[in-house]
Amino acid sequence: MKRGQTDYRDLVELLPQTLFKINQQGKFSFANRSGYKTFGFKADELGESVSALVFFAPGDRARLEGNIKRILKGQVIPGSEYTALRKDGSTFPVLVSANAVVDHGETVGLRGVILDLSAIKRSHELLARSEERYRQLLETMSEGFAMLNSDTRLNYVNTRFCEMLGYTRDELVGEKVESLLNSANQKVLRENYVKRRKGRSDSYELAWSRKDGSLLATIMSPKPLYQENGEFAGSYSVITDVTRLKQTEDALRRHKQELKGKTVNLEEVNAALRVLLKKREEDKREFEERIMANVRELVTPYIAKLKKTHLAERQRAYLEILENNLNDLTTPFVDSLSRSFQKLTPSEIRVAALVREGKSSKEIAEILFVSPRTVEFHRDQIRRKLGLSGRKVNLRSFLLSLR
């Protein structure tokens, strides 16, 4: 054997795939080391008397035999999947690719490669299960979910999103999102899709047009998608129905407006009540002062004159009772003055009340049966206690300002 052939044979023996040759009778004439290992045989157990068909499941043998005959006749057969059979009886999936061996223009057999697909199949199964779990997750979400390609065409929607818009999946998949939006929301989508192309994932509000014509207020939570070469491929979004939230916000807004209106009305009513109360207090003071003035002008002078006459003891007692009762009726100003200036004595309060009525010191002396000098003393004390000493302030004007 030449050196090149030896290197070639060593290389074949090192390959992890099964390399084989079959003669025109469908018997093995060669298999590399990986072939023995893959099928669970030893090298001396495979000879030219062993048919290739015994290494495959009975259900695949007729198809395999037919393909071998076609290849031997010169036909080109693409790689085909079969179920292979190990020595211990276990099976595994394989991909068989073979072509004819031609020697001096005559087909003498075929050679090929057997690729064990077990790992690939397991990977596919795991991937399929994983995809199924994710799909179930998406389909059972309480939120809507949609995937868009680069030109905003829907290529996947979950069940919840279909329910939200009132369409079937077949009606939505393949449609452009713009067909489900009014002009204002189409603008919102376009503006945000520009951000998505730049890799941004900002959430935003979008109102969809339902099949029945009503609007569905949502919050979009998107993520961009890219191909392996970095080219933008579209995006997917979680879509949250915020219709009730919007309705609640609108109700709260209306309630605030109503409260604001009621507050304004209450303020107006309170202002009117304050005016009425102020007027009532003024009317009350005016009424009390009028009564007090009338008593002082029309009654008190006559009582004073009666005191100067010769009265019997019983008459004088009745007169004092009458005077005390009249004083009780004319106490509003006196009470107010007493509360504001508690340092005044009762005599000073009586003098102050008469000064406020415009009585002169002489008139006050006659009414109270005291000397004018005593009245002047009381006036000085009143000014001092009211903080008017040394000030050019008319005592009567000051007393009239008291409320």
Protein backbone atom coordinates (compact mmCIF):
# COMPACT_ATOMS: atom_id res chain seq x y z
CA MET A 1 0.00 0.00 0.00
CA LYS A 2 1.37 3.37 -1.00
CA ARG A 3 2.06 6.14 1.53
CA GLY A 4 -0.82 8.32 0.28
CA GLN A 5 -3.25 5.46 0.57
CA THR A 6 -2.03 4.76 4.10
CA ASP A 7 -2.58 8.38 5.15
CA TYR A 8 -5.99 8.29 3.57
CA ARG A 9 -6.91 5.08 5.40
CA ASP A 10 -5.66 6.48 8.76
CA LEU A 11 -7.71 9.61 8.21
CA VAL A 12 -10.82 7.57 7.46
CA GLU A 13 -10.33 5.55 10.63
CA LEU A 14 -10.14 8.74 12.71
CA LEU A 15 -13.42 10.20 11.45
CA PRO A 16 -16.33 10.09 13.98
CA GLN A 17 -18.84 9.23 11.26
CA THR A 18 -19.38 5.73 9.85
CA LEU A 19 -17.77 5.32 6.42
CA PHE A 20 -18.63 2.19 4.48
CA LYS A 21 -18.46 0.39 1.15
CA ILE A 22 -21.00 -2.12 -0.20
CA ASN A 23 -20.50 -4.40 -3.20
CA GLN A 24 -23.03 -5.10 -5.94
CA GLN A 25 -24.63 -7.82 -3.84
CA GLY A 26 -25.38 -5.37 -0.99
CA LYS A 27 -22.72 -6.89 1.28
CA PHE A 28 -20.29 -4.89 3.39
CA SER A 29 -16.79 -4.73 1.95
CA PHE A 30 -15.51 -2.03 4.31
CA ALA A 31 -16.44 -0.07 7.45
CA ASN A 32 -14.23 2.21 9.50
CA ARG A 33 -13.60 1.99 13.23
CA SER A 34 -16.45 4.41 14.10
CA GLY A 35 -18.83 2.14 12.18
CA TYR A 36 -18.02 -0.86 14.35
CA LYS A 37 -18.35 1.22 17.49
CA THR A 38 -21.57 2.90 16.43
CA PHE A 39 -23.30 -0.38 15.61
CA GLY A 40 -21.76 -2.31 18.53
CA PHE A 41 -19.76 -4.85 16.50
CA LYS A 42 -16.13 -5.95 16.48
CA ALA A 43 -14.03 -5.80 13.32
CA ASP A 44 -13.92 -9.56 12.84
CA GLU A 45 -17.71 -9.79 13.11
CA LEU A 46 -18.28 -7.95 9.85
CA GLY A 47 -17.35 -9.66 6.68
CA GLU A 48 -18.34 -9.57 3.06
CA SER A 49 -21.06 -12.10 3.77
CA VAL A 50 -23.01 -9.67 5.96
CA SER A 51 -25.83 -7.82 4.23
CA ALA A 52 -26.11 -4.07 4.88
CA LEU A 53 -29.84 -4.46 5.44
CA VAL A 54 -29.40 -6.23 8.80
CA PHE A 55 -28.10 -2.98 10.34
CA PHE A 56 -31.43 -1.26 9.83
CA ALA A 57 -34.88 -1.68 11.34
CA PRO A 58 -37.12 -4.12 9.42
CA GLY A 59 -39.55 -1.37 8.55
CA ASP A 60 -36.85 0.58 6.67
CA ARG A 61 -35.15 -2.33 4.83
CA ALA A 62 -37.36 -2.34 1.74
CA ARG A 63 -36.88 1.39 1.21
CA LEU A 64 -33.13 1.08 1.82
CA GLU A 65 -32.83 -1.87 -0.59
CA GLY A 66 -34.66 0.06 -3.27
CA ASN A 67 -32.38 3.08 -2.86
CA ILE A 68 -29.26 0.84 -3.04
CA LYS A 69 -30.46 -0.63 -6.34
CA ARG A 70 -31.16 2.83 -7.79
CA ILE A 71 -27.70 4.07 -6.78
CA LEU A 72 -26.09 0.95 -8.32
CA LYS A 73 -27.95 1.80 -11.54
CA GLY A 74 -26.33 5.23 -11.52
CA GLN A 75 -29.12 7.30 -10.04
CA VAL A 76 -28.27 10.08 -7.62
CA ILE A 77 -30.23 9.68 -4.39
CA PRO A 78 -30.18 12.47 -1.76
CA GLY A 79 -29.35 11.59 1.83
CA SER A 80 -32.19 9.77 3.56
CA GLU A 81 -33.08 9.15 7.18
CA TYR A 82 -33.44 5.59 8.49
CA THR A 83 -33.76 3.83 11.81
CA ALA A 84 -30.51 1.93 12.40
CA LEU A 85 -30.22 -1.25 14.48
CA ARG A 86 -27.37 -1.96 16.90
CA LYS A 87 -26.10 -5.42 17.76
CA ASP A 88 -27.87 -5.24 21.16
CA GLY A 89 -31.20 -4.58 19.42
CA SER A 90 -31.44 -0.87 20.29
CA THR A 91 -32.29 1.57 17.52
CA PHE A 92 -31.17 5.09 16.69
CA PRO A 93 -31.84 7.57 13.88
CA VAL A 94 -29.24 7.97 11.09
CA LEU A 95 -28.75 9.92 7.88
CA VAL A 96 -27.29 7.80 5.03
CA SER A 97 -25.63 9.47 2.06
CA ALA A 98 -24.09 7.26 -0.69
CA ASN A 99 -22.99 7.24 -4.31
CA ALA A 100 -21.92 4.60 -6.81
CA VAL A 101 -18.34 3.25 -7.07
CA VAL A 102 -17.35 3.00 -10.73
CA ASP A 103 -14.30 1.07 -11.91
CA HIS A 104 -13.38 1.27 -15.62
CA GLY A 105 -16.86 2.42 -16.47
CA GLU A 106 -18.54 -0.36 -14.54
CA THR A 107 -20.43 0.09 -11.27
CA VAL A 108 -18.86 -2.23 -8.73
CA GLY A 109 -20.62 -1.10 -5.59
CA LEU A 110 -21.37 2.00 -3.53
CA ARG A 111 -19.78 3.94 -0.71
CA GLY A 112 -21.16 6.42 1.73
CA VAL A 113 -21.41 7.98 5.15
CA ILE A 114 -23.75 7.14 7.99
CA LEU A 115 -24.32 10.03 10.42
CA ASP A 116 -25.73 9.23 13.86
CA LEU A 117 -28.59 11.71 14.39
CA SER A 118 -29.29 10.77 18.02
CA ALA A 119 -27.71 13.89 19.54
CA ILE A 120 -29.26 16.14 16.90
CA LYS A 121 -32.68 14.55 17.38
CA ARG A 122 -32.41 14.94 21.14
CA SER A 123 -31.46 18.59 20.67
CA HIS A 124 -34.40 19.07 18.35
CA GLU A 125 -36.74 17.38 20.81
CA LEU A 126 -35.43 19.49 23.68
CA LEU A 127 -35.76 22.60 21.56
CA ALA A 128 -39.27 21.60 20.51
CA ARG A 129 -40.29 20.96 24.14
CA SER A 130 -38.72 24.23 25.16
CA GLU A 131 -40.54 26.06 22.38
CA GLU A 132 -43.77 24.34 23.36
CA ARG A 133 -43.33 25.42 27.00
CA TYR A 134 -42.71 28.99 25.93
CA ARG A 135 -45.66 28.85 23.59
CA GLN A 136 -47.89 27.54 26.38
CA LEU A 137 -46.59 30.30 28.61
CA LEU A 138 -47.41 32.91 25.99
CA GLU A 139 -50.81 31.37 25.30
CA THR A 140 -51.78 31.34 29.00
CA MET A 141 -50.59 34.90 29.73
CA SER A 142 -53.12 37.30 31.16
CA GLU A 143 -51.54 40.00 28.96
CA GLY A 144 -51.54 40.28 25.19
CA PHE A 145 -48.39 39.34 23.26
CA ALA A 146 -47.48 40.06 19.66
CA MET A 147 -44.44 39.77 17.41
CA LEU A 148 -43.89 42.12 14.46
CA ASN A 149 -41.43 41.93 11.60
CA SER A 150 -39.37 44.89 10.43
CA ASP A 151 -42.24 46.43 8.43
CA THR A 152 -44.72 46.21 11.36
CA ARG A 153 -46.52 43.13 10.06
CA LEU A 154 -47.83 40.72 12.71
CA ASN A 155 -46.23 37.27 12.53
CA TYR A 156 -47.44 35.97 15.92
CA VAL A 157 -50.20 36.88 18.39
CA ASN A 158 -51.28 35.01 21.50
CA THR A 159 -54.83 34.05 22.43
CA ARG A 160 -55.24 36.90 24.92
CA PHE A 161 -54.38 39.52 22.30
CA CYS A 162 -56.98 38.03 19.95
CA GLU A 163 -59.57 38.22 22.73
CA MET A 164 -58.62 41.83 23.49
CA LEU A 165 -59.27 42.94 19.90
CA GLY A 166 -62.09 40.51 19.06
CA TYR A 167 -60.30 38.97 16.04
CA THR A 168 -59.24 35.40 15.33
CA ARG A 169 -55.56 34.53 15.01
CA ASP A 170 -55.95 33.94 11.27
CA GLU A 171 -57.43 37.43 10.88
CA LEU A 172 -54.48 39.06 12.65
CA VAL A 173 -51.35 37.15 11.57
CA GLY A 174 -49.93 38.70 8.41
CA GLU A 175 -51.75 42.01 8.91
CA LYS A 176 -49.89 45.29 9.30
CA VAL A 177 -50.40 46.83 12.72
CA GLU A 178 -51.38 50.16 11.14
CA SER A 179 -54.62 48.56 9.88
CA LEU A 180 -55.67 48.11 13.53
CA LEU A 181 -55.04 51.75 14.52
CA ASN A 182 -56.61 55.11 13.77
CA SER A 183 -54.47 57.89 12.26
CA ALA A 184 -53.43 59.37 15.61
CA ASN A 185 -52.25 56.01 16.96
CA GLN A 186 -50.56 55.11 13.66
CA LYS A 187 -48.37 58.19 14.26
CA VAL A 188 -47.61 57.01 17.81
CA LEU A 189 -46.61 53.56 16.48
CA ARG A 190 -44.33 55.01 13.79
CA GLU A 191 -42.58 57.29 16.26
CA ASN A 192 -41.95 54.41 18.65
CA TYR A 193 -40.88 51.99 15.92
CA VAL A 194 -38.11 54.43 15.01
CA LYS A 195 -36.91 54.14 18.62
CA ARG A 196 -37.12 50.34 18.37
CA ARG A 197 -34.82 50.34 15.34
CA LYS A 198 -32.32 52.25 17.47
CA GLY A 199 -32.47 49.57 20.17
CA ARG A 200 -34.70 51.46 22.61
CA SER A 201 -37.43 49.69 24.59
CA ASP A 202 -39.49 52.58 25.96
CA SER A 203 -43.01 51.71 27.10
CA TYR A 204 -45.78 53.81 25.58
CA GLU A 205 -49.56 54.11 25.36
CA LEU A 206 -51.39 52.89 22.26
CA ALA A 207 -55.14 52.70 21.56
CA TRP A 208 -56.17 49.81 19.28
CA SER A 209 -59.33 49.69 17.17
CA ARG A 210 -61.35 46.61 18.11
CA LYS A 211 -63.29 44.62 15.56
CA ASP A 212 -66.53 46.12 16.93
CA GLY A 213 -65.18 49.65 16.32
CA SER A 214 -64.47 50.53 19.95
CA LEU A 215 -61.05 51.61 21.20
CA LEU A 216 -58.83 49.53 23.48
CA ALA A 217 -56.41 51.55 25.63
CA THR A 218 -53.14 49.65 26.21
CA ILE A 219 -49.61 50.03 27.51
CA MET A 220 -46.99 48.61 25.11
CA SER A 221 -43.82 47.09 26.63
CA PRO A 222 -41.64 46.31 23.58
CA LYS A 223 -38.24 44.75 22.84
CA PRO A 224 -36.37 44.94 19.51
CA LEU A 225 -35.30 41.81 17.58
CA TYR A 226 -32.15 41.51 15.48
CA GLN A 227 -30.79 38.99 13.00
CA GLU A 228 -27.39 37.34 13.50
CA ASN A 229 -25.76 39.99 11.31
CA GLY A 230 -27.17 42.72 13.55
CA GLU A 231 -29.87 43.82 11.12
CA PHE A 232 -33.18 44.91 12.67
CA ALA A 233 -35.74 42.09 12.36
CA GLY A 234 -38.75 43.53 14.17
CA SER A 235 -39.91 43.52 17.77
CA TYR A 236 -42.18 41.81 20.26
CA SER A 237 -44.38 43.45 22.86
CA VAL A 238 -46.31 42.63 25.99
CA ILE A 239 -49.64 44.46 25.66
CA THR A 240 -51.51 45.44 28.84
CA ASP A 241 -55.19 46.39 28.73
CA VAL A 242 -55.59 49.62 30.74
CA THR A 243 -59.19 50.38 29.73
CA ARG A 244 -60.49 50.06 33.30
CA LEU A 245 -57.58 52.13 34.59
CA LYS A 246 -58.43 54.85 32.07
CA GLN A 247 -62.09 54.68 33.03
CA THR A 248 -61.13 55.02 36.69
CA GLU A 249 -58.85 57.96 35.89
CA ASP A 250 -61.64 59.64 33.92
CA ALA A 251 -64.08 59.05 36.79
CA LEU A 252 -61.60 60.50 39.28
CA ARG A 253 -61.02 63.47 37.02
CA ARG A 254 -64.76 64.11 36.74
CA HIS A 255 -65.12 63.68 40.49
CA LYS A 256 -62.35 66.22 41.09
CA GLN A 257 -64.06 68.66 38.74
CA GLU A 258 -67.35 68.13 40.54
CA LEU A 259 -65.66 68.62 43.90
CA LYS A 260 -63.99 71.74 42.60
CA GLY A 261 -67.37 73.08 41.48
CA LYS A 262 -68.93 72.19 44.81
CA THR A 263 -66.01 73.82 46.64
CA VAL A 264 -66.54 77.02 44.68
CA ASN A 265 -70.24 76.90 45.49
CA LEU A 266 -69.50 76.30 49.17
CA GLU A 267 -67.05 79.19 49.21
CA GLU A 268 -69.70 81.41 47.67
CA VAL A 269 -72.26 80.21 50.21
CA ASN A 270 -69.79 80.72 53.06
CA ALA A 271 -69.01 84.21 51.81
CA ALA A 272 -72.72 84.99 51.67
CA LEU A 273 -73.21 83.56 55.17
CA ARG A 274 -70.32 85.66 56.48
CA VAL A 275 -71.93 88.76 54.98
CA LEU A 276 -75.27 87.82 56.52
CA LEU A 277 -73.73 87.11 59.92
CA LYS A 278 -71.82 90.37 59.82
CA LYS A 279 -75.02 92.23 58.90
CA ARG A 280 -76.86 90.39 61.66
CA GLU A 281 -74.22 91.41 64.20
CA GLU A 282 -74.36 94.98 62.97
CA ASP A 283 -78.16 94.99 63.16
CA LYS A 284 -77.97 93.46 66.63
CA ARG A 285 -75.51 96.10 67.84
CA GLU A 286 -77.57 98.86 66.24
CA PHE A 287 -80.73 97.52 67.89
CA GLU A 288 -79.05 97.22 71.28
CA GLU A 289 -77.53 100.69 71.03
CA ARG A 290 -80.88 102.14 69.99
CA ILE A 291 -82.57 100.54 72.98
CA MET A 292 -79.77 101.73 75.26
CA ALA A 293 -79.92 105.25 73.81
CA ASN A 294 -83.70 105.39 74.16
CA VAL A 295 -83.53 104.24 77.75
CA ARG A 296 -80.80 106.74 78.55
CA GLU A 297 -82.60 109.58 76.78
CA LEU A 298 -86.22 108.84 77.58
CA VAL A 299 -86.16 106.95 80.87
CA THR A 300 -82.98 107.53 82.85
CA PRO A 301 -83.41 111.35 83.16
CA TYR A 302 -86.84 110.88 84.70
CA ILE A 303 -85.58 108.29 87.12
CA ALA A 304 -82.86 110.75 88.12
CA LYS A 305 -85.44 113.46 88.68
CA LEU A 306 -87.62 111.08 90.71
CA LYS A 307 -84.65 110.34 92.97
CA LYS A 308 -84.46 114.06 93.84
CA THR A 309 -88.08 114.15 95.00
CA HIS A 310 -89.32 113.18 98.42
CA LEU A 311 -90.21 109.54 98.03
CA ALA A 312 -91.46 107.13 100.58
CA GLU A 313 -89.12 104.32 101.47
CA ARG A 314 -91.19 101.78 99.60
CA GLN A 315 -91.37 104.05 96.53
CA ARG A 316 -87.59 104.51 96.62
CA ALA A 317 -87.14 100.71 96.80
CA TYR A 318 -89.39 100.25 93.76
CA LEU A 319 -87.48 102.96 91.94
CA GLU A 320 -84.15 101.20 92.59
CA ILE A 321 -85.61 97.90 91.34
CA LEU A 322 -86.80 99.67 88.20
CA GLU A 323 -83.36 101.27 87.71
CA ASN A 324 -81.56 97.92 88.15
CA ASN A 325 -83.84 96.20 85.66
CA LEU A 326 -83.26 98.95 83.12
CA ASN A 327 -79.52 98.61 83.65
CA ASP A 328 -79.81 94.89 82.89
CA LEU A 329 -81.51 95.76 79.60
CA THR A 330 -78.72 98.15 78.64
CA THR A 331 -75.71 95.96 79.45
CA PRO A 332 -74.57 94.80 75.92
CA PHE A 333 -72.13 97.70 75.52
CA VAL A 334 -71.10 97.49 79.14
CA ASP A 335 -70.44 93.73 78.83
CA SER A 336 -68.38 94.26 75.69
CA LEU A 337 -66.38 97.00 77.35
CA SER A 338 -65.85 94.81 80.43
CA ARG A 339 -64.53 91.93 78.36
CA SER A 340 -62.16 94.14 76.38
CA PHE A 341 -60.94 96.20 79.30
CA GLN A 342 -61.27 94.16 82.46
CA LYS A 343 -59.19 96.64 84.48
CA LEU A 344 -62.04 99.21 84.54
CA THR A 345 -64.04 99.41 87.73
CA PRO A 346 -67.87 99.22 87.64
CA SER A 347 -68.10 103.01 88.26
CA GLU A 348 -65.62 103.64 85.39
CA ILE A 349 -67.64 101.36 83.10
CA ARG A 350 -70.85 103.30 83.90
CA VAL A 351 -69.09 106.62 83.21
CA ALA A 352 -67.65 105.24 79.95
CA ALA A 353 -71.10 104.14 78.81
CA LEU A 354 -72.53 107.63 79.40
CA VAL A 355 -69.55 109.29 77.68
CA ARG A 356 -70.15 107.04 74.68
CA GLU A 357 -73.75 108.33 74.58
CA GLY A 358 -72.44 111.89 74.32
CA LYS A 359 -73.21 113.02 77.90
CA SER A 360 -71.16 115.84 79.35
CA SER A 361 -69.39 115.52 82.70
CA LYS A 362 -72.09 117.67 84.31
CA GLU A 363 -74.87 115.52 82.87
CA ILE A 364 -73.11 112.37 83.99
CA ALA A 365 -72.69 113.80 87.53
CA GLU A 366 -76.39 114.49 87.72
CA ILE A 367 -77.32 111.02 86.45
CA LEU A 368 -74.97 109.20 88.81
CA PHE A 369 -75.48 111.55 91.74
CA VAL A 370 -71.78 112.38 92.01
CA SER A 371 -69.81 115.58 91.67
CA PRO A 372 -68.45 116.75 88.32
CA ARG A 373 -64.93 116.46 89.78
CA THR A 374 -65.55 112.75 90.47
CA VAL A 375 -66.69 112.29 86.88
CA GLU A 376 -63.52 114.02 85.62
CA PHE A 377 -61.43 111.72 87.85
CA HIS A 378 -63.15 108.69 86.37
CA ARG A 379 -62.61 110.03 82.82
CA ASP A 380 -58.89 110.45 83.50
CA GLN A 381 -58.67 106.89 84.89
CA ILE A 382 -60.53 105.54 81.88
CA ARG A 383 -58.13 107.29 79.45
CA ARG A 384 -55.14 105.99 81.39
CA LYS A 385 -56.39 102.40 81.49
CA LEU A 386 -57.33 102.52 77.79
CA GLY A 387 -53.85 103.82 76.88
CA LEU A 388 -55.10 107.24 75.79
CA SER A 389 -53.20 109.40 78.29
CA GLY A 390 -51.13 112.05 76.57
CA ARG A 391 -52.75 111.30 73.21
CA LYS A 392 -55.00 113.66 71.30
CA VAL A 393 -57.78 111.10 70.97
CA ASN A 394 -61.41 111.93 71.69
CA LEU A 395 -62.63 109.53 74.38
CA ARG A 396 -66.17 109.30 73.01
CA SER A 397 -64.90 108.56 69.45
CA PHE A 398 -62.65 105.82 70.81
CA LEU A 399 -65.49 104.27 72.79
CA LEU A 400 -67.78 104.38 69.74
CA SER A 401 -65.18 102.35 67.80
CA LEU A 402 -65.42 99.48 70.27
CA ARG A 403 -67.36 96.39 69.23
